[in-house]
Structures are given as C-alpha cells and as structure tokens.
All heavy atoms as atom14 arrays in JSON, in Angstrom:
{
  "sequence": "SRHGVPFYLFRYRRRKVYALGILLFCGFLYYLSGFIWNIEVTGN",
  "atom14_mask": [
    [1, 1, 1, 1, 1, 1, 0, 0, 0, 0, 0, 0, 0, 0],
    [1, 1, 1, 1, 1, 1, 1, 1, 1, 1, 1, 0, 0, 0],
    [1, 1, 1, 1, 1, 1, 1, 1, 1, 1, 0, 0, 0, 0],
    [1, 1, 1, 1, 0, 0, 0, 0, 0, 0, 0, 0, 0, 0],
    [1, 1, 1, 1, 1, 1, 1, 0, 0, 0, 0, 0, 0, 0],
    [1, 1, 1, 1, 1, 1, 1, 0, 0, 0, 0, 0, 0, 0],
    [1, 1, 1, 1, 1, 1, 1, 1, 1, 1, 1, 0, 0, 0],
    [1, 1, 1, 1, 1, 1, 1, 1, 1, 1, 1, 1, 0, 0],
    [1, 1, 1, 1, 1, 1, 1, 1, 0, 0, 0, 0, 0, 0],
    [1, 1, 1, 1, 1, 1, 1, 1, 1, 1, 1, 0, 0, 0],
    [1, 1, 1, 1, 1, 1, 1, 1, 1, 1, 1, 0, 0, 0],
    [1, 1, 1, 1, 1, 1, 1, 1, 1, 1, 1, 1, 0, 0],
    [1, 1, 1, 1, 1, 1, 1, 1, 1, 1, 1, 0, 0, 0],
    [1, 1, 1, 1, 1, 1, 1, 1, 1, 1, 1, 0, 0, 0],
    [1, 1, 1, 1, 1, 1, 1, 1, 1, 1, 1, 0, 0, 0],
    [1, 1, 1, 1, 1, 1, 1, 1, 1, 0, 0, 0, 0, 0],
    [1, 1, 1, 1, 1, 1, 1, 0, 0, 0, 0, 0, 0, 0],
    [1, 1, 1, 1, 1, 1, 1, 1, 1, 1, 1, 1, 0, 0],
    [1, 1, 1, 1, 1, 0, 0, 0, 0, 0, 0, 0, 0, 0],
    [1, 1, 1, 1, 1, 1, 1, 1, 0, 0, 0, 0, 0, 0],
    [1, 1, 1, 1, 0, 0, 0, 0, 0, 0, 0, 0, 0, 0],
    [1, 1, 1, 1, 1, 1, 1, 1, 0, 0, 0, 0, 0, 0],
    [1, 1, 1, 1, 1, 1, 1, 1, 0, 0, 0, 0, 0, 0],
    [1, 1, 1, 1, 1, 1, 1, 1, 0, 0, 0, 0, 0, 0],
    [1, 1, 1, 1, 1, 1, 1, 1, 1, 1, 1, 0, 0, 0],
    [1, 1, 1, 1, 1, 1, 0, 0, 0, 0, 0, 0, 0, 0],
    [1, 1, 1, 1, 0, 0, 0, 0, 0, 0, 0, 0, 0, 0],
    [1, 1, 1, 1, 1, 1, 1, 1, 1, 1, 1, 0, 0, 0],
    [1, 1, 1, 1, 1, 1, 1, 1, 0, 0, 0, 0, 0, 0],
    [1, 1, 1, 1, 1, 1, 1, 1, 1, 1, 1, 1, 0, 0],
    [1, 1, 1, 1, 1, 1, 1, 1, 1, 1, 1, 1, 0, 0],
    [1, 1, 1, 1, 1, 1, 1, 1, 0, 0, 0, 0, 0, 0],
    [1, 1, 1, 1, 1, 1, 0, 0, 0, 0, 0, 0, 0, 0],
    [1, 1, 1, 1, 0, 0, 0, 0, 0, 0, 0, 0, 0, 0],
    [1, 1, 1, 1, 1, 1, 1, 1, 1, 1, 1, 0, 0, 0],
    [1, 1, 1, 1, 1, 1, 1, 1, 0, 0, 0, 0, 0, 0],
    [1, 1, 1, 1, 1, 1, 1, 1, 1, 1, 1, 1, 1, 1],
    [1, 1, 1, 1, 1, 1, 1, 1, 0, 0, 0, 0, 0, 0],
    [1, 1, 1, 1, 1, 1, 1, 1, 0, 0, 0, 0, 0, 0],
    [1, 1, 1, 1, 1, 1, 1, 1, 1, 0, 0, 0, 0, 0],
    [1, 1, 1, 1, 1, 1, 1, 0, 0, 0, 0, 0, 0, 0],
    [1, 1, 1, 1, 1, 1, 1, 0, 0, 0, 0, 0, 0, 0],
    [1, 1, 1, 1, 0, 0, 0, 0, 0, 0, 0, 0, 0, 0],
    [1, 1, 1, 1, 1, 1, 1, 1, 0, 0, 0, 0, 0, 0]
  ],
  "atom14_positions": [
    [[-49.13, -103.04, -113.71], [-49.11, -102.42, -115.06], [-47.95, -102.95, -115.84], [-46.96, -103.46, -115.3], [-49.02, -100.89, -114.93], [-47.82, -100.52, -114.23], [0.0, 0.0, 0.0], [0.0, 0.0, 0.0], [0.0, 0.0, 0.0], [0.0, 0.0, 0.0], [0.0, 0.0, 0.0], [0.0, 0.0, 0.0], [0.0, 0.0, 0.0], [0.0, 0.0, 0.0]],
    [[-48.09, -102.84, -117.16], [-47.03, -103.31, -118.1], [-46.53, -102.11, -118.92], [-47.33, -101.29, -119.37], [-47.6, -104.39, -119.03], [-48.07, -105.64, -118.3], [-48.79, -106.57, -119.26], [-49.16, -107.83, -118.64], [-50.27, -108.01, -117.91], [-51.1, -106.99, -117.72], [-50.53, -109.19, -117.38], [0.0, 0.0, 0.0], [0.0, 0.0, 0.0], [0.0, 0.0, 0.0]],
    [[-45.2, -102.07, -119.16], [-44.59, -100.98, -119.89], [-43.53, -101.53, -120.85], [-42.92, -102.55, -120.59], [-43.92, -99.98, -118.92], [-44.83, -99.47, -117.86], [-45.65, -98.38, -118.04], [-45.07, -99.93, -116.59], [-46.34, -98.18, -116.93], [-46.02, -99.09, -116.04], [0.0, 0.0, 0.0], [0.0, 0.0, 0.0], [0.0, 0.0, 0.0], [0.0, 0.0, 0.0]],
    [[-43.33, -100.78, -121.98], [-42.24, -101.13, -122.89], [-42.71, -101.54, -124.26], [-43.91, -101.76, -124.53], [0.0, 0.0, 0.0], [0.0, 0.0, 0.0], [0.0, 0.0, 0.0], [0.0, 0.0, 0.0], [0.0, 0.0, 0.0], [0.0, 0.0, 0.0], [0.0, 0.0, 0.0], [0.0, 0.0, 0.0], [0.0, 0.0, 0.0], [0.0, 0.0, 0.0]],
    [[-41.74, -101.66, -125.16], [-42.0, -101.97, -126.56], [-42.63, -103.35, -126.75], [-43.58, -103.49, -127.56], [-40.7, -101.84, -127.37], [-40.91, -102.31, -128.82], [-40.22, -100.38, -127.39], [0.0, 0.0, 0.0], [0.0, 0.0, 0.0], [0.0, 0.0, 0.0], [0.0, 0.0, 0.0], [0.0, 0.0, 0.0], [0.0, 0.0, 0.0], [0.0, 0.0, 0.0]],
    [[-42.18, -104.4, -126.07], [-42.8, -105.74, -126.29], [-44.3, -105.73, -126.04], [-45.06, -106.35, -126.8], [-42.05, -106.62, -125.31], [-40.74, -105.98, -125.1], [-41.04, -104.51, -125.16], [0.0, 0.0, 0.0], [0.0, 0.0, 0.0], [0.0, 0.0, 0.0], [0.0, 0.0, 0.0], [0.0, 0.0, 0.0], [0.0, 0.0, 0.0], [0.0, 0.0, 0.0]],
    [[-44.75, -105.08, -124.99], [-46.19, -105.03, -124.7], [-46.92, -104.16, -125.72], [-48.08, -104.43, -126.06], [-46.42, -104.5, -123.28], [-45.78, -105.34, -122.22], [-44.63, -104.91, -121.56], [-46.31, -106.6, -121.88], [-44.05, -105.69, -120.59], [-45.72, -107.37, -120.92], [-44.58, -106.93, -120.26], [0.0, 0.0, 0.0], [0.0, 0.0, 0.0], [0.0, 0.0, 0.0]],
    [[-46.27, -103.1, -126.16], [-46.88, -102.22, -127.17], [-47.09, -102.96, -128.48], [-48.17, -102.87, -129.09], [-45.97, -101.0, -127.39], [-46.52, -99.97, -128.34], [-47.48, -99.05, -127.94], [-46.1, -99.93, -129.66], [-47.98, -98.1, -128.82], [-46.61, -99.01, -130.56], [-47.54, -98.1, -130.13], [-48.06, -97.16, -131.0], [0.0, 0.0, 0.0], [0.0, 0.0, 0.0]],
    [[-46.08, -103.72, -128.9], [-46.22, -104.5, -130.13], [-47.26, -105.6, -129.99], [-47.99, -105.9, -130.94], [-44.85, -105.08, -130.52], [-43.78, -104.07, -130.9], [-42.46, -104.8, -131.2], [-44.19, -103.24, -132.08], [0.0, 0.0, 0.0], [0.0, 0.0, 0.0], [0.0, 0.0, 0.0], [0.0, 0.0, 0.0], [0.0, 0.0, 0.0], [0.0, 0.0, 0.0]],
    [[-47.32, -106.23, -128.82], [-48.28, -107.29, -128.6], [-49.72, -106.74, -128.65], [-50.64, -107.39, -129.16], [-48.03, -107.96, -127.26], [-48.97, -109.08, -126.95], [-48.8, -110.33, -127.53], [-50.05, -108.89, -126.08], [-49.69, -111.37, -127.24], [-50.95, -109.91, -125.8], [-50.75, -111.15, -126.37], [0.0, 0.0, 0.0], [0.0, 0.0, 0.0], [0.0, 0.0, 0.0]],
    [[-49.89, -105.51, -128.11], [-51.22, -104.9, -128.09], [-51.73, -104.65, -129.49], [-52.94, -104.76, -129.77], [-51.15, -103.6, -127.3], [-52.49, -102.94, -127.05], [-52.29, -101.63, -126.33], [-51.42, -101.81, -125.16], [-50.82, -100.79, -124.54], [-50.95, -99.54, -125.01], [-50.08, -101.02, -123.48], [0.0, 0.0, 0.0], [0.0, 0.0, 0.0], [0.0, 0.0, 0.0]],
    [[-50.82, -104.26, -130.41], [-51.23, -103.92, -131.79], [-50.77, -104.99, -132.8], [-50.51, -104.67, -133.95], [-50.68, -102.55, -132.17], [-51.19, -101.41, -131.33], [-50.42, -100.87, -130.29], [-52.47, -100.92, -131.54], [-50.93, -99.85, -129.51], [-52.97, -99.88, -130.75], [-52.18, -99.34, -129.74], [-52.67, -98.33, -128.96], [0.0, 0.0, 0.0], [0.0, 0.0, 0.0]],
    [[-50.68, -106.23, -132.36], [-50.15, -107.28, -133.23], [-51.04, -107.56, -134.42], [-50.58, -108.05, -135.45], [-49.91, -108.56, -132.4], [-51.2, -109.17, -131.85], [-50.88, -110.29, -130.88], [-52.07, -110.95, -130.36], [-52.81, -110.48, -129.38], [-52.47, -109.31, -128.81], [-53.88, -111.13, -128.95], [0.0, 0.0, 0.0], [0.0, 0.0, 0.0], [0.0, 0.0, 0.0]],
    [[-52.33, -107.28, -134.29], [-53.25, -107.58, -135.39], [-53.43, -106.39, -136.34], [-54.1, -106.53, -137.36], [-54.6, -107.98, -134.83], [-54.55, -109.29, -134.04], [-55.92, -109.67, -133.52], [-55.89, -110.94, -132.79], [-56.95, -111.49, -132.19], [-58.12, -110.88, -132.27], [-56.81, -112.63, -131.53], [0.0, 0.0, 0.0], [0.0, 0.0, 0.0], [0.0, 0.0, 0.0]],
    [[-52.89, -105.27, -135.99], [-53.01, -104.08, -136.85], [-51.78, -103.98, -137.76], [-50.84, -103.25, -137.51], [-53.14, -102.81, -136.01], [-54.34, -102.86, -135.08], [-54.5, -101.55, -134.33], [-55.66, -101.57, -133.44], [-56.04, -100.56, -132.67], [-55.35, -99.44, -132.65], [-57.1, -100.67, -131.88], [0.0, 0.0, 0.0], [0.0, 0.0, 0.0], [0.0, 0.0, 0.0]],
    [[-51.83, -104.73, -138.84], [-50.67, -104.82, -139.73], [-50.45, -103.52, -140.49], [-49.32, -103.16, -140.77], [-50.86, -106.0, -140.69], [-50.95, -107.36, -139.98], [-51.15, -108.47, -140.99], [-51.23, -109.82, -140.25], [-51.45, -110.95, -141.18], [0.0, 0.0, 0.0], [0.0, 0.0, 0.0], [0.0, 0.0, 0.0], [0.0, 0.0, 0.0], [0.0, 0.0, 0.0]],
    [[-51.54, -102.87, -140.86], [-51.4, -101.61, -141.6], [-50.71, -100.55, -140.72], [-49.92, -99.77, -141.21], [-52.79, -101.12, -142.07], [-52.67, -99.77, -142.76], [-53.42, -102.15, -142.99], [0.0, 0.0, 0.0], [0.0, 0.0, 0.0], [0.0, 0.0, 0.0], [0.0, 0.0, 0.0], [0.0, 0.0, 0.0], [0.0, 0.0, 0.0], [0.0, 0.0, 0.0]],
    [[-51.03, -100.55, -139.44], [-50.42, -99.6, -138.5], [-48.92, -99.86, -138.41], [-48.1, -98.91, -138.46], [-51.07, -99.76, -137.13], [-50.53, -98.85, -136.06], [-50.89, -97.5, -136.04], [-49.69, -99.33, -135.08], [-50.4, -96.64, -135.07], [-49.19, -98.48, -134.1], [-49.56, -97.15, -134.1], [-49.07, -96.3, -133.13], [0.0, 0.0, 0.0], [0.0, 0.0, 0.0]],
    [[-48.53, -101.13, -138.29], [-47.1, -101.47, -138.23], [-46.4, -101.13, -139.54], [-45.27, -100.63, -139.56], [-46.95, -102.95, -137.91], [0.0, 0.0, 0.0], [0.0, 0.0, 0.0], [0.0, 0.0, 0.0], [0.0, 0.0, 0.0], [0.0, 0.0, 0.0], [0.0, 0.0, 0.0], [0.0, 0.0, 0.0], [0.0, 0.0, 0.0], [0.0, 0.0, 0.0]],
    [[-47.12, -101.38, -140.66], [-46.53, -101.04, -141.96], [-46.33, -99.53, -142.09], [-45.33, -99.06, -142.64], [-47.43, -101.56, -143.07], [-46.96, -101.28, -144.5], [-45.63, -101.94, -144.75], [-48.0, -101.75, -145.5], [0.0, 0.0, 0.0], [0.0, 0.0, 0.0], [0.0, 0.0, 0.0], [0.0, 0.0, 0.0], [0.0, 0.0, 0.0], [0.0, 0.0, 0.0]],
    [[-47.29, -98.75, -141.56], [-47.15, -97.31, -141.6], [-45.96, -96.83, -140.8], [-45.25, -95.89, -141.25], [0.0, 0.0, 0.0], [0.0, 0.0, 0.0], [0.0, 0.0, 0.0], [0.0, 0.0, 0.0], [0.0, 0.0, 0.0], [0.0, 0.0, 0.0], [0.0, 0.0, 0.0], [0.0, 0.0, 0.0], [0.0, 0.0, 0.0], [0.0, 0.0, 0.0]],
    [[-45.67, -97.44, -139.69], [-44.51, -97.05, -138.88], [-43.2, -97.35, -139.65], [-42.27, -96.55, -139.7], [-44.52, -97.79, -137.54], [-45.69, -97.29, -136.68], [-43.2, -97.56, -136.8], [-45.82, -98.0, -135.36], [0.0, 0.0, 0.0], [0.0, 0.0, 0.0], [0.0, 0.0, 0.0], [0.0, 0.0, 0.0], [0.0, 0.0, 0.0], [0.0, 0.0, 0.0]],
    [[-43.18, -98.53, -140.31], [-41.98, -98.89, -141.07], [-41.77, -97.94, -142.26], [-40.65, -97.52, -142.55], [-42.11, -100.33, -141.58], [-42.05, -101.42, -140.49], [-42.27, -102.78, -141.12], [-40.71, -101.37, -139.75], [0.0, 0.0, 0.0], [0.0, 0.0, 0.0], [0.0, 0.0, 0.0], [0.0, 0.0, 0.0], [0.0, 0.0, 0.0], [0.0, 0.0, 0.0]],
    [[-42.89, -97.61, -142.94], [-42.77, -96.68, -144.07], [-42.33, -95.3, -143.61], [-41.55, -94.63, -144.28], [-44.12, -96.58, -144.8], [-44.54, -97.82, -145.59], [-45.93, -97.63, -146.18], [-43.53, -98.17, -146.67], [0.0, 0.0, 0.0], [0.0, 0.0, 0.0], [0.0, 0.0, 0.0], [0.0, 0.0, 0.0], [0.0, 0.0, 0.0], [0.0, 0.0, 0.0]],
    [[-42.84, -94.86, -142.46], [-42.44, -93.56, -141.93], [-40.97, -93.54, -141.59], [-40.24, -92.57, -141.92], [-43.28, -93.25, -140.68], [-42.94, -91.94, -140.03], [-43.3, -90.73, -140.59], [-42.19, -91.91, -138.85], [-42.98, -89.51, -140.01], [-41.86, -90.71, -138.26], [-42.25, -89.5, -138.84], [0.0, 0.0, 0.0], [0.0, 0.0, 0.0], [0.0, 0.0, 0.0]],
    [[-40.47, -94.59, -140.96], [-39.02, -94.66, -140.63], [-38.18, -94.69, -141.92], [-37.13, -94.05, -141.99], [-38.75, -95.9, -139.79], [-39.5, -95.86, -138.15], [0.0, 0.0, 0.0], [0.0, 0.0, 0.0], [0.0, 0.0, 0.0], [0.0, 0.0, 0.0], [0.0, 0.0, 0.0], [0.0, 0.0, 0.0], [0.0, 0.0, 0.0], [0.0, 0.0, 0.0]],
    [[-38.67, -95.44, -142.94], [-37.93, -95.47, -144.21], [-37.94, -94.12, -144.91], [-36.94, -93.73, -145.51], [0.0, 0.0, 0.0], [0.0, 0.0, 0.0], [0.0, 0.0, 0.0], [0.0, 0.0, 0.0], [0.0, 0.0, 0.0], [0.0, 0.0, 0.0], [0.0, 0.0, 0.0], [0.0, 0.0, 0.0], [0.0, 0.0, 0.0], [0.0, 0.0, 0.0]],
    [[-39.07, -93.4, -144.79], [-39.16, -92.06, -145.4], [-38.21, -91.09, -144.71], [-37.55, -90.27, -145.36], [-40.59, -91.58, -145.33], [-40.82, -90.27, -146.04], [-40.6, -90.16, -147.4], [-41.27, -89.16, -145.36], [-40.81, -88.95, -148.06], [-41.48, -87.95, -146.0], [-41.25, -87.87, -147.36], [0.0, 0.0, 0.0], [0.0, 0.0, 0.0], [0.0, 0.0, 0.0]],
    [[-38.11, -91.17, -143.38], [-37.18, -90.33, -142.64], [-35.74, -90.63, -143.05], [-34.91, -89.72, -143.19], [-37.34, -90.52, -141.14], [-38.57, -89.9, -140.47], [-38.53, -90.18, -138.97], [-38.62, -88.4, -140.72], [0.0, 0.0, 0.0], [0.0, 0.0, 0.0], [0.0, 0.0, 0.0], [0.0, 0.0, 0.0], [0.0, 0.0, 0.0], [0.0, 0.0, 0.0]],
    [[-35.44, -91.9, -143.23], [-34.09, -92.27, -143.65], [-33.79, -91.72, -145.06], [-32.67, -91.26, -145.31], [-33.94, -93.8, -143.64], [-32.59, -94.28, -144.11], [-31.49, -94.2, -143.29], [-32.44, -94.8, -145.4], [-30.24, -94.63, -143.72], [-31.2, -95.24, -145.86], [-30.1, -95.14, -145.01], [-28.88, -95.56, -145.44], [0.0, 0.0, 0.0], [0.0, 0.0, 0.0]],
    [[-34.78, -91.75, -145.93], [-34.59, -91.2, -147.29], [-34.34, -89.69, -147.21], [-33.47, -89.16, -147.91], [-35.81, -91.53, -148.15], [-35.79, -90.87, -149.5], [-34.98, -91.33, -150.53], [-36.62, -89.77, -149.77], [-34.97, -90.74, -151.77], [-36.62, -89.16, -151.0], [-35.8, -89.64, -152.0], [-35.8, -89.02, -153.22], [0.0, 0.0, 0.0], [0.0, 0.0, 0.0]],
    [[-35.14, -88.97, -146.4], [-34.99, -87.53, -146.3], [-33.65, -87.14, -145.68], [-33.16, -86.02, -145.91], [-36.13, -86.94, -145.45], [-37.54, -87.0, -146.08], [-38.55, -86.42, -145.1], [-37.58, -86.25, -147.4], [0.0, 0.0, 0.0], [0.0, 0.0, 0.0], [0.0, 0.0, 0.0], [0.0, 0.0, 0.0], [0.0, 0.0, 0.0], [0.0, 0.0, 0.0]],
    [[-33.07, -88.02, -144.88], [-31.79, -87.69, -144.24], [-30.64, -87.58, -145.24], [-29.56, -87.11, -144.88], [-31.44, -88.76, -143.2], [-31.2, -90.02, -143.8], [0.0, 0.0, 0.0], [0.0, 0.0, 0.0], [0.0, 0.0, 0.0], [0.0, 0.0, 0.0], [0.0, 0.0, 0.0], [0.0, 0.0, 0.0], [0.0, 0.0, 0.0], [0.0, 0.0, 0.0]],
    [[-30.86, -87.95, -146.47], [-29.82, -87.86, -147.5], [-29.81, -86.54, -148.25], [-29.06, -86.39, -149.22], [0.0, 0.0, 0.0], [0.0, 0.0, 0.0], [0.0, 0.0, 0.0], [0.0, 0.0, 0.0], [0.0, 0.0, 0.0], [0.0, 0.0, 0.0], [0.0, 0.0, 0.0], [0.0, 0.0, 0.0], [0.0, 0.0, 0.0], [0.0, 0.0, 0.0]],
    [[-30.62, -85.55, -147.79], [-30.73, -84.28, -148.48], [-30.43, -83.14, -147.52], [-30.44, -83.32, -146.3], [-32.11, -84.09, -149.09], [-32.47, -85.09, -150.15], [-32.97, -86.34, -149.81], [-32.29, -84.81, -151.49], [-33.3, -87.27, -150.78], [-32.6, -85.73, -152.47], [-33.11, -86.97, -152.11], [0.0, 0.0, 0.0], [0.0, 0.0, 0.0], [0.0, 0.0, 0.0]],
    [[-30.19, -81.95, -148.1], [-29.98, -80.72, -147.31], [-31.32, -80.01, -147.17], [-31.93, -79.61, -148.16], [-28.93, -79.79, -148.0], [-27.59, -80.49, -148.09], [-28.82, -78.49, -147.22], [-26.95, -80.78, -146.75], [0.0, 0.0, 0.0], [0.0, 0.0, 0.0], [0.0, 0.0, 0.0], [0.0, 0.0, 0.0], [0.0, 0.0, 0.0], [0.0, 0.0, 0.0]],
    [[-31.75, -79.81, -145.92], [-33.03, -79.16, -145.66], [-32.9, -77.88, -144.86], [-33.9, -77.24, -144.55], [-33.99, -80.11, -144.96], [-34.28, -81.35, -145.74], [-34.03, -82.63, -145.37], [-34.89, -81.44, -147.05], [-34.43, -83.52, -146.31], [-34.96, -82.83, -147.38], [-35.35, -80.49, -147.95], [-35.48, -83.27, -148.58], [-35.89, -80.96, -149.15], [-35.96, -82.31, -149.47]],
    [[-31.69, -77.51, -144.49], [-31.48, -76.27, -143.75], [-30.07, -75.75, -144.04], [-29.11, -76.54, -144.02], [-31.66, -76.46, -142.24], [-31.55, -75.16, -141.46], [-30.49, -74.81, -141.0], [-32.68, -74.48, -141.31], [0.0, 0.0, 0.0], [0.0, 0.0, 0.0], [0.0, 0.0, 0.0], [0.0, 0.0, 0.0], [0.0, 0.0, 0.0], [0.0, 0.0, 0.0]],
    [[-29.94, -74.45, -144.31], [-28.64, -73.84, -144.61], [-28.44, -72.64, -143.68], [-29.31, -71.77, -143.59], [-28.54, -73.39, -146.08], [-28.73, -74.59, -147.01], [-27.19, -72.71, -146.36], [-28.75, -74.22, -148.49], [0.0, 0.0, 0.0], [0.0, 0.0, 0.0], [0.0, 0.0, 0.0], [0.0, 0.0, 0.0], [0.0, 0.0, 0.0], [0.0, 0.0, 0.0]],
    [[-27.31, -72.62, -143.0], [-26.99, -71.53, -142.07], [-25.74, -70.81, -142.57], [-24.71, -71.47, -142.84], [-26.76, -72.09, -140.67], [-26.46, -71.01, -139.63], [-26.19, -71.6, -138.26], [-25.42, -72.57, -138.17], [-26.76, -71.12, -137.27], [0.0, 0.0, 0.0], [0.0, 0.0, 0.0], [0.0, 0.0, 0.0], [0.0, 0.0, 0.0], [0.0, 0.0, 0.0]],
    [[-25.8, -69.5, -142.73], [-24.68, -68.69, -143.2], [-24.2, -67.81, -142.04], [-24.99, -67.08, -141.43], [-25.09, -67.8, -144.38], [-23.89, -66.99, -144.88], [-25.65, -68.66, -145.53], [0.0, 0.0, 0.0], [0.0, 0.0, 0.0], [0.0, 0.0, 0.0], [0.0, 0.0, 0.0], [0.0, 0.0, 0.0], [0.0, 0.0, 0.0], [0.0, 0.0, 0.0]],
    [[-22.92, -67.89, -141.71], [-22.35, -67.12, -140.61], [-21.1, -66.38, -141.07], [-20.42, -66.8, -142.03], [-21.98, -68.04, -139.42], [-20.99, -69.0, -139.87], [-23.18, -68.8, -138.91], [0.0, 0.0, 0.0], [0.0, 0.0, 0.0], [0.0, 0.0, 0.0], [0.0, 0.0, 0.0], [0.0, 0.0, 0.0], [0.0, 0.0, 0.0], [0.0, 0.0, 0.0]],
    [[-20.81, -65.26, -140.38], [-19.57, -64.51, -140.65], [-19.67, -63.52, -141.8], [-18.72, -62.77, -142.04], [0.0, 0.0, 0.0], [0.0, 0.0, 0.0], [0.0, 0.0, 0.0], [0.0, 0.0, 0.0], [0.0, 0.0, 0.0], [0.0, 0.0, 0.0], [0.0, 0.0, 0.0], [0.0, 0.0, 0.0], [0.0, 0.0, 0.0], [0.0, 0.0, 0.0]],
    [[-20.81, -63.45, -142.48], [-20.92, -62.55, -143.63], [-21.32, -61.14, -143.15], [-22.04, -60.97, -142.2], [-21.98, -63.06, -144.62], [-23.32, -63.26, -143.97], [-23.46, -63.88, -142.91], [-24.34, -62.75, -144.61], [0.0, 0.0, 0.0], [0.0, 0.0, 0.0], [0.0, 0.0, 0.0], [0.0, 0.0, 0.0], [0.0, 0.0, 0.0], [0.0, 0.0, 0.0]]
  ]
}
C-alpha cells in the first residue's frame, strides 16, 4: 500500500478544479484569520 501527500496528489493530478478548490479554501481561511469571530468576557 502507498500512503502520504505525494501519492494523494498524484492520484488527483488531473483534477485541476479540485486542487484549485483546496487552494481557494486555504486562502479563504487565511483571510478569515484576520478578523475577530469569538469574544469571551470574564471577571464581570
């Protein structure tokens, strides 16, 4: 059996839209990391 990222990428090497979706998702997560999405108030 084969395991790991190199084999995973080789298996889906012809699915360019799938790879593009992963890149866009990672970029979207990076964009969201620049905002405040949870606020915790303590001691009040």
